[in-house]
Amino acid sequence: MDQSELSELVSSLTPYESAGTVNTYRNTVSIACPACEESFDDMVVCEGEYDSLELSRLLDLCVTTAGDDVVLFTHQE
């Protein structure tokens, strides 16, 4: 995924949470995940060299990169 594709996705999603270099966006319009083509719940963008995620629920994840950023797409089980 390139930065323009990431920017387009971000503009279509609802900002949810931001903590340092980790930003989370809610998929309130049922956009398809670019990895598996199923609708995803949240998109998490990790911009730091090292980021830590604390997950409070069991999730399936799809992963890609956009430049130096890691992009996660969550799917609730």
PDB file of N, CA and C in Angstrom:
ATOM      1  N   MET A   1       0.865  -1.166   0.000  1.00  0.00           N
ATOM      2  CA  MET A   1       0.000   0.000   0.000  1.00  0.00           C
ATOM      3  C   MET A   1       0.910   1.226   0.000  1.00  0.00           C
ATOM      4  N   ASP A   2       0.600   2.180  -0.843  1.00  0.00           N
ATOM      5  CA  ASP A   2       1.416   3.397  -0.829  1.00  0.00           C
ATOM      6  C   ASP A   2       0.742   4.463   0.047  1.00  0.00           C
ATOM      7  N   GLN A   3       1.456   5.554   0.278  1.00  0.00           N
ATOM      8  CA  GLN A   3       0.969   6.597   1.187  1.00  0.00           C
ATOM      9  C   GLN A   3      -0.339   7.221   0.693  1.00  0.00           C
ATOM     10  N   SER A   4      -0.541   7.349  -0.619  1.00  0.00           N
ATOM     11  CA  SER A   4      -1.785   7.934  -1.124  1.00  0.00           C
ATOM     12  C   SER A   4      -2.976   7.010  -0.847  1.00  0.00           C
ATOM     13  N   GLU A   5      -2.767   5.688  -0.953  1.00  0.00           N
ATOM     14  CA  GLU A   5      -3.829   4.738  -0.624  1.00  0.00           C
ATOM     15  C   GLU A   5      -4.167   4.800   0.860  1.00  0.00           C
ATOM     16  N   LEU A   6      -3.122   4.924   1.696  1.00  0.00           N
ATOM     17  CA  LEU A   6      -3.343   5.046   3.129  1.00  0.00           C
ATOM     18  C   LEU A   6      -4.109   6.328   3.448  1.00  0.00           C
ATOM     19  N   SER A   7      -3.726   7.430   2.842  1.00  0.00           N
ATOM     20  CA  SER A   7      -4.415   8.710   3.058  1.00  0.00           C
ATOM     21  C   SER A   7      -5.876   8.627   2.652  1.00  0.00           C
ATOM     22  N   GLU A   8      -6.142   7.947   1.546  1.00  0.00           N
ATOM     23  CA  GLU A   8      -7.527   7.781   1.082  1.00  0.00           C
ATOM     24  C   GLU A   8      -8.339   6.968   2.090  1.00  0.00           C
ATOM     25  N   LEU A   9      -7.743   5.891   2.610  1.00  0.00           N
ATOM     26  CA  LEU A   9      -8.426   5.089   3.623  1.00  0.00           C
ATOM     27  C   LEU A   9      -8.700   5.918   4.878  1.00  0.00           C
ATOM     28  N   VAL A  10      -7.682   6.621   5.365  1.00  0.00           N
ATOM     29  CA  VAL A  10      -7.831   7.439   6.576  1.00  0.00           C
ATOM     30  C   VAL A  10      -8.963   8.446   6.407  1.00  0.00           C
ATOM     31  N   SER A  11      -9.078   9.053   5.229  1.00  0.00           N
ATOM     32  CA  SER A  11     -10.124  10.053   5.003  1.00  0.00           C
ATOM     33  C   SER A  11     -11.522   9.446   4.988  1.00  0.00           C
ATOM     34  N   SER A  12     -11.621   8.132   4.772  1.00  0.00           N
ATOM     35  CA  SER A  12     -12.921   7.457   4.726  1.00  0.00           C
ATOM     36  C   SER A  12     -13.325   6.852   6.063  1.00  0.00           C
ATOM     37  N   LEU A  13     -12.399   6.787   7.006  1.00  0.00           N
ATOM     38  CA  LEU A  13     -12.651   6.148   8.297  1.00  0.00           C
ATOM     39  C   LEU A  13     -12.875   7.179   9.399  1.00  0.00           C
ATOM     40  N   THR A  14     -13.397   6.725  10.532  1.00  0.00           N
ATOM     41  CA  THR A  14     -13.665   7.591  11.674  1.00  0.00           C
ATOM     42  C   THR A  14     -12.510   7.498  12.666  1.00  0.00           C
ATOM     43  N   PRO A  15     -11.834   8.627  12.975  1.00  0.00           N
ATOM     44  CA  PRO A  15     -10.768   8.578  13.980  1.00  0.00           C
ATOM     45  C   PRO A  15     -11.327   8.061  15.299  1.00  0.00           C
ATOM     46  N   TYR A  16     -10.591   7.167  15.953  1.00  0.00           N
ATOM     47  CA  TYR A  16     -11.086   6.552  17.182  1.00  0.00           C
ATOM     48  C   TYR A  16     -10.179   6.835  18.366  1.00  0.00           C
ATOM     49  N   GLU A  17      -8.890   6.562  18.197  1.00  0.00           N
ATOM     50  CA  GLU A  17      -7.977   6.681  19.333  1.00  0.00           C
ATOM     51  C   GLU A  17      -6.578   6.997  18.830  1.00  0.00           C
ATOM     52  N   SER A  18      -5.857   7.795  19.591  1.00  0.00           N
ATOM     53  CA  SER A  18      -4.480   8.121  19.254  1.00  0.00           C
ATOM     54  C   SER A  18      -3.652   8.052  20.523  1.00  0.00           C
ATOM     55  N   ALA A  19      -2.550   7.313  20.473  1.00  0.00           N
ATOM     56  CA  ALA A  19      -1.656   7.176  21.623  1.00  0.00           C
ATOM     57  C   ALA A  19      -0.224   7.180  21.114  1.00  0.00           C
ATOM     58  N   GLY A  20       0.434   8.323  21.210  1.00  0.00           N
ATOM     59  CA  GLY A  20       1.809   8.436  20.724  1.00  0.00           C
ATOM     60  C   GLY A  20       1.867   8.257  19.226  1.00  0.00           C
ATOM     61  N   THR A  21       2.549   7.207  18.788  1.00  0.00           N
ATOM     62  CA  THR A  21       2.711   6.965  17.352  1.00  0.00           C
ATOM     63  C   THR A  21       1.752   5.902  16.821  1.00  0.00           C
ATOM     64  N   VAL A  22       0.729   5.555  17.609  1.00  0.00           N
ATOM     65  CA  VAL A  22      -0.273   4.571  17.192  1.00  0.00           C
ATOM     66  C   VAL A  22      -1.624   5.273  17.059  1.00  0.00           C
ATOM     67  N   ASN A  23      -2.213   5.191  15.862  1.00  0.00           N
ATOM     68  CA  ASN A  23      -3.509   5.814  15.602  1.00  0.00           C
ATOM     69  C   ASN A  23      -4.504   4.743  15.154  1.00  0.00           C
ATOM     70  N   THR A  24      -5.707   4.793  15.712  1.00  0.00           N
ATOM     71  CA  THR A  24      -6.746   3.823  15.392  1.00  0.00           C
ATOM     72  C   THR A  24      -7.927   4.522  14.747  1.00  0.00           C
ATOM     73  N   TYR A  25      -8.462   3.892  13.710  1.00  0.00           N
ATOM     74  CA  TYR A  25      -9.599   4.424  12.965  1.00  0.00           C
ATOM     75  C   TYR A  25     -10.670   3.350  12.873  1.00  0.00           C
ATOM     76  N   ARG A  26     -11.946   3.731  13.061  1.00  0.00           N
ATOM     77  CA  ARG A  26     -13.076   2.803  12.971  1.00  0.00           C
ATOM     78  C   ARG A  26     -13.616   2.764  11.549  1.00  0.00           C
ATOM     79  N   ASN A  27     -13.947   1.577  11.108  1.00  0.00           N
ATOM     80  CA  ASN A  27     -14.531   1.376   9.785  1.00  0.00           C
ATOM     81  C   ASN A  27     -16.052   1.394   9.934  1.00  0.00           C
ATOM     82  N   THR A  28     -16.649   2.566   9.893  1.00  0.00           N
ATOM     83  CA  THR A  28     -18.089   2.699  10.083  1.00  0.00           C
ATOM     84  C   THR A  28     -18.861   2.629   8.772  1.00  0.00           C
ATOM     85  N   VAL A  29     -18.146   2.481   7.659  1.00  0.00           N
ATOM     86  CA  VAL A  29     -18.801   2.440   6.341  1.00  0.00           C
ATOM     87  C   VAL A  29     -18.556   1.116   5.600  1.00  0.00           C
ATOM     88  N   SER A  30     -18.058   0.107   6.312  1.00  0.00           N
ATOM     89  CA  SER A  30     -17.862  -1.251   5.768  1.00  0.00           C
ATOM     90  C   SER A  30     -16.952  -1.315   4.549  1.00  0.00           C
ATOM     91  N   ILE A  31     -15.825  -0.634   4.620  1.00  0.00           N
ATOM     92  CA  ILE A  31     -14.815  -0.728   3.567  1.00  0.00           C
ATOM     93  C   ILE A  31     -14.162  -2.106   3.645  1.00  0.00           C
ATOM     94  N   ALA A  32     -13.826  -2.678   2.495  1.00  0.00           N
ATOM     95  CA  ALA A  32     -13.195  -3.995   2.445  1.00  0.00           C
ATOM     96  C   ALA A  32     -11.716  -3.896   2.817  1.00  0.00           C
ATOM     97  N   CYS A  33     -11.229  -4.886   3.534  1.00  0.00           N
ATOM     98  CA  CYS A  33      -9.815  -4.998   3.892  1.00  0.00           C
ATOM     99  C   CYS A  33      -9.010  -5.251   2.612  1.00  0.00           C
ATOM    100  N   PRO A  34      -7.927  -4.503   2.402  1.00  0.00           N
ATOM    101  CA  PRO A  34      -7.135  -4.720   1.187  1.00  0.00           C
ATOM    102  C   PRO A  34      -6.431  -6.079   1.147  1.00  0.00           C
ATOM    103  N   ALA A  35      -6.266  -6.729   2.299  1.00  0.00           N
ATOM    104  CA  ALA A  35      -5.571  -8.020   2.327  1.00  0.00           C
ATOM    105  C   ALA A  35      -6.509  -9.193   2.061  1.00  0.00           C
ATOM    106  N   CYS A  36      -7.682  -9.207   2.729  1.00  0.00           N
ATOM    107  CA  CYS A  36      -8.566 -10.370   2.607  1.00  0.00           C
ATOM    108  C   CYS A  36      -9.895 -10.050   1.935  1.00  0.00           C
ATOM    109  N   GLU A  37     -10.144  -8.777   1.661  1.00  0.00           N
ATOM    110  CA  GLU A  37     -11.337  -8.307   0.973  1.00  0.00           C
ATOM    111  C   GLU A  37     -12.630  -8.456   1.770  1.00  0.00           C
ATOM    112  N   GLU A  38     -12.533  -8.764   3.077  1.00  0.00           N
ATOM    113  CA  GLU A  38     -13.683  -8.780   3.975  1.00  0.00           C
ATOM    114  C   GLU A  38     -13.734  -7.425   4.675  1.00  0.00           C
ATOM    115  N   SER A  39     -14.907  -7.020   5.130  1.00  0.00           N
ATOM    116  CA  SER A  39     -15.017  -5.777   5.881  1.00  0.00           C
ATOM    117  C   SER A  39     -14.206  -5.894   7.168  1.00  0.00           C
ATOM    118  N   PHE A  40     -13.490  -4.850   7.529  1.00  0.00           N
ATOM    119  CA  PHE A  40     -12.703  -4.868   8.763  1.00  0.00           C
ATOM    120  C   PHE A  40     -13.350  -3.956   9.792  1.00  0.00           C
ATOM    121  N   ASP A  41     -12.952  -4.115  11.068  1.00  0.00           N
ATOM    122  CA  ASP A  41     -13.523  -3.309  12.152  1.00  0.00           C
ATOM    123  C   ASP A  41     -12.722  -2.030  12.374  1.00  0.00           C
ATOM    124  N   ASP A  42     -11.428  -2.170  12.568  1.00  0.00           N
ATOM    125  CA  ASP A  42     -10.556  -1.027  12.843  1.00  0.00           C
ATOM    126  C   ASP A  42      -9.297  -1.110  11.986  1.00  0.00           C
ATOM    127  N   MET A  43      -8.733   0.048  11.708  1.00  0.00           N
ATOM    128  CA  MET A  43      -7.418   0.118  11.076  1.00  0.00           C
ATOM    129  C   MET A  43      -6.490   0.784  12.085  1.00  0.00           C
ATOM    130  N   VAL A  44      -5.362   0.146  12.360  1.00  0.00           N
ATOM    131  CA  VAL A  44      -4.387   0.657  13.311  1.00  0.00           C
ATOM    132  C   VAL A  44      -3.118   0.982  12.534  1.00  0.00           C
ATOM    133  N   VAL A  45      -2.662   2.240  12.633  1.00  0.00           N
ATOM    134  CA  VAL A  45      -1.453   2.674  11.945  1.00  0.00           C
ATOM    135  C   VAL A  45      -0.370   2.893  12.984  1.00  0.00           C
ATOM    136  N   CYS A  46       0.718   2.142  12.867  1.00  0.00           N
ATOM    137  CA  CYS A  46       1.854   2.235  13.791  1.00  0.00           C
ATOM    138  C   CYS A  46       2.976   2.981  13.080  1.00  0.00           C
ATOM    139  N   GLU A  47       3.255   4.193  13.538  1.00  0.00           N
ATOM    140  CA  GLU A  47       4.234   5.047  12.871  1.00  0.00           C
ATOM    141  C   GLU A  47       5.609   5.029  13.522  1.00  0.00           C
ATOM    142  N   GLY A  48       5.724   4.467  14.713  1.00  0.00           N
ATOM    143  CA  GLY A  48       6.998   4.457  15.425  1.00  0.00           C
ATOM    144  C   GLY A  48       7.897   3.325  14.983  1.00  0.00           C
ATOM    145  N   GLU A  49       9.167   3.449  15.310  1.00  0.00           N
ATOM    146  CA  GLU A  49      10.106   2.365  15.005  1.00  0.00           C
ATOM    147  C   GLU A  49       9.738   1.123  15.806  1.00  0.00           C
ATOM    148  N   TYR A  50       9.323   1.332  17.058  1.00  0.00           N
ATOM    149  CA  TYR A  50       8.842   0.261  17.929  1.00  0.00           C
ATOM    150  C   TYR A  50       7.545   0.729  18.560  1.00  0.00           C
ATOM    151  N   ASP A  51       6.489  -0.012  18.376  1.00  0.00           N
ATOM    152  CA  ASP A  51       5.205   0.295  18.993  1.00  0.00           C
ATOM    153  C   ASP A  51       4.686  -0.955  19.682  1.00  0.00           C
ATOM    154  N   SER A  52       3.909  -0.748  20.739  1.00  0.00           N
ATOM    155  CA  SER A  52       3.334  -1.847  21.491  1.00  0.00           C
ATOM    156  C   SER A  52       1.815  -1.714  21.478  1.00  0.00           C
ATOM    157  N   LEU A  53       1.144  -2.833  21.286  1.00  0.00           N
ATOM    158  CA  LEU A  53      -0.320  -2.845  21.303  1.00  0.00           C
ATOM    159  C   LEU A  53      -0.790  -3.716  22.449  1.00  0.00           C
ATOM    160  N   GLU A  54      -1.775  -3.235  23.173  1.00  0.00           N
ATOM    161  CA  GLU A  54      -2.395  -4.021  24.238  1.00  0.00           C
ATOM    162  C   GLU A  54      -3.807  -4.350  23.791  1.00  0.00           C
ATOM    163  N   LEU A  55      -4.013  -5.596  23.413  1.00  0.00           N
ATOM    164  CA  LEU A  55      -5.310  -6.013  22.891  1.00  0.00           C
ATOM    165  C   LEU A  55      -6.172  -6.549  24.028  1.00  0.00           C
ATOM    166  N   SER A  56      -7.402  -6.051  24.112  1.00  0.00           N
ATOM    167  CA  SER A  56      -8.307  -6.477  25.176  1.00  0.00           C
ATOM    168  C   SER A  56      -9.286  -7.549  24.701  1.00  0.00           C
ATOM    169  N   ARG A  57      -9.194  -7.932  23.428  1.00  0.00           N
ATOM    170  CA  ARG A  57     -10.095  -8.949  22.897  1.00  0.00           C
ATOM    171  C   ARG A  57      -9.359  -9.759  21.827  1.00  0.00           C
ATOM    172  N   LEU A  58      -9.890 -10.926  21.532  1.00  0.00           N
ATOM    173  CA  LEU A  58      -9.307 -11.806  20.525  1.00  0.00           C
ATOM    174  C   LEU A  58      -9.694 -11.298  19.144  1.00  0.00           C
ATOM    175  N   LEU A  59      -8.696 -11.064  18.291  1.00  0.00           N
ATOM    176  CA  LEU A  59      -8.926 -10.509  16.961  1.00  0.00           C
ATOM    177  C   LEU A  59      -8.136 -11.270  15.909  1.00  0.00           C
ATOM    178  N   ASP A  60      -8.674 -11.312  14.710  1.00  0.00           N
ATOM    179  CA  ASP A  60      -7.898 -11.731  13.548  1.00  0.00           C
ATOM    180  C   ASP A  60      -7.284 -10.458  12.980  1.00  0.00           C
ATOM    181  N   LEU A  61      -6.054 -10.543  12.500  1.00  0.00           N
ATOM    182  CA  LEU A  61      -5.358  -9.375  11.969  1.00  0.00           C
ATOM    183  C   LEU A  61      -4.892  -9.613  10.544  1.00  0.00           C
ATOM    184  N   CYS A  62      -5.019  -8.582   9.717  1.00  0.00           N
ATOM    185  CA  CYS A  62      -4.374  -8.537   8.412  1.00  0.00           C
ATOM    186  C   CYS A  62      -3.356  -7.406   8.497  1.00  0.00           C
ATOM    187  N   VAL A  63      -2.210  -7.553   7.848  1.00  0.00           N
ATOM    188  CA  VAL A  63      -1.109  -6.602   8.005  1.00  0.00           C
ATOM    189  C   VAL A  63      -0.559  -6.190   6.652  1.00  0.00           C
ATOM    190  N   THR A  64      -0.202  -4.904   6.537  1.00  0.00           N
ATOM    191  CA  THR A  64       0.506  -4.402   5.368  1.00  0.00           C
ATOM    192  C   THR A  64       1.412  -3.266   5.835  1.00  0.00           C
ATOM    193  N   THR A  65       2.134  -2.683   4.910  1.00  0.00           N
ATOM    194  CA  THR A  65       2.958  -1.520   5.207  1.00  0.00           C
ATOM    195  C   THR A  65       2.569  -0.391   4.262  1.00  0.00           C
ATOM    196  N   ALA A  66       2.834   0.825   4.716  1.00  0.00           N
ATOM    197  CA  ALA A  66       2.656   2.027   3.896  1.00  0.00           C
ATOM    198  C   ALA A  66       3.878   2.887   4.171  1.00  0.00           C
ATOM    199  N   GLY A  67       4.843   2.830   3.268  1.00  0.00           N
ATOM    200  CA  GLY A  67       6.116   3.501   3.533  1.00  0.00           C
ATOM    201  C   GLY A  67       6.789   2.827   4.715  1.00  0.00           C
ATOM    202  N   ASP A  68       7.114   3.603   5.743  1.00  0.00           N
ATOM    203  CA  ASP A  68       7.740   3.060   6.952  1.00  0.00           C
ATOM    204  C   ASP A  68       6.715   2.667   8.008  1.00  0.00           C
ATOM    205  N   ASP A  69       5.428   2.887   7.749  1.00  0.00           N
ATOM    206  CA  ASP A  69       4.380   2.603   8.725  1.00  0.00           C
ATOM    207  C   ASP A  69       3.857   1.178   8.567  1.00  0.00           C
ATOM    208  N   VAL A  70       3.510   0.553   9.692  1.00  0.00           N
ATOM    209  CA  VAL A  70       2.844  -0.742   9.674  1.00  0.00           C
ATOM    210  C   VAL A  70       1.355  -0.474   9.842  1.00  0.00           C
ATOM    211  N   VAL A  71       0.539  -1.123   9.017  1.00  0.00           N
ATOM    212  CA  VAL A  71      -0.901  -0.918   9.054  1.00  0.00           C
ATOM    213  C   VAL A  71      -1.570  -2.250   9.358  1.00  0.00           C
ATOM    214  N   LEU A  72      -2.378  -2.291  10.422  1.00  0.00           N
ATOM    215  CA  LEU A  72      -3.101  -3.488  10.835  1.00  0.00           C
ATOM    216  C   LEU A  72      -4.587  -3.287  10.588  1.00  0.00           C
ATOM    217  N   PHE A  73      -5.246  -4.333  10.111  1.00  0.00           N
ATOM    218  CA  PHE A  73      -6.691  -4.316   9.936  1.00  0.00           C
ATOM    219  C   PHE A  73      -7.243  -5.385  10.866  1.00  0.00           C
ATOM    220  N   THR A  74      -8.130  -4.990  11.791  1.00  0.00           N
ATOM    221  CA  THR A  74      -8.656  -5.944  12.766  1.00  0.00           C
ATOM    222  C   THR A  74      -9.991  -6.499  12.302  1.00  0.00           C
ATOM    223  N   HIS A  75     -10.202  -7.759  12.653  1.00  0.00           N
ATOM    224  CA  HIS A  75     -11.462  -8.460  12.368  1.00  0.00           C
ATOM    225  C   HIS A  75     -11.873  -9.157  13.651  1.00  0.00           C
ATOM    226  N   GLN A  76     -13.031  -8.816  14.206  1.00  0.00           N
ATOM    227  CA  GLN A  76     -13.508  -9.494  15.409  1.00  0.00           C
ATOM    228  C   GLN A  76     -13.931 -10.893  15.047  1.00  0.00           C
ATOM    229  N   GLU A  77     -13.654 -11.812  15.967  1.00  0.00           N
ATOM    230  CA  GLU A  77     -14.054 -13.211  15.725  1.00  0.00           C
ATOM    231  C   GLU A  77     -15.493 -13.413  16.104  1.00  0.00           C
TER     232      GLU A  77
END
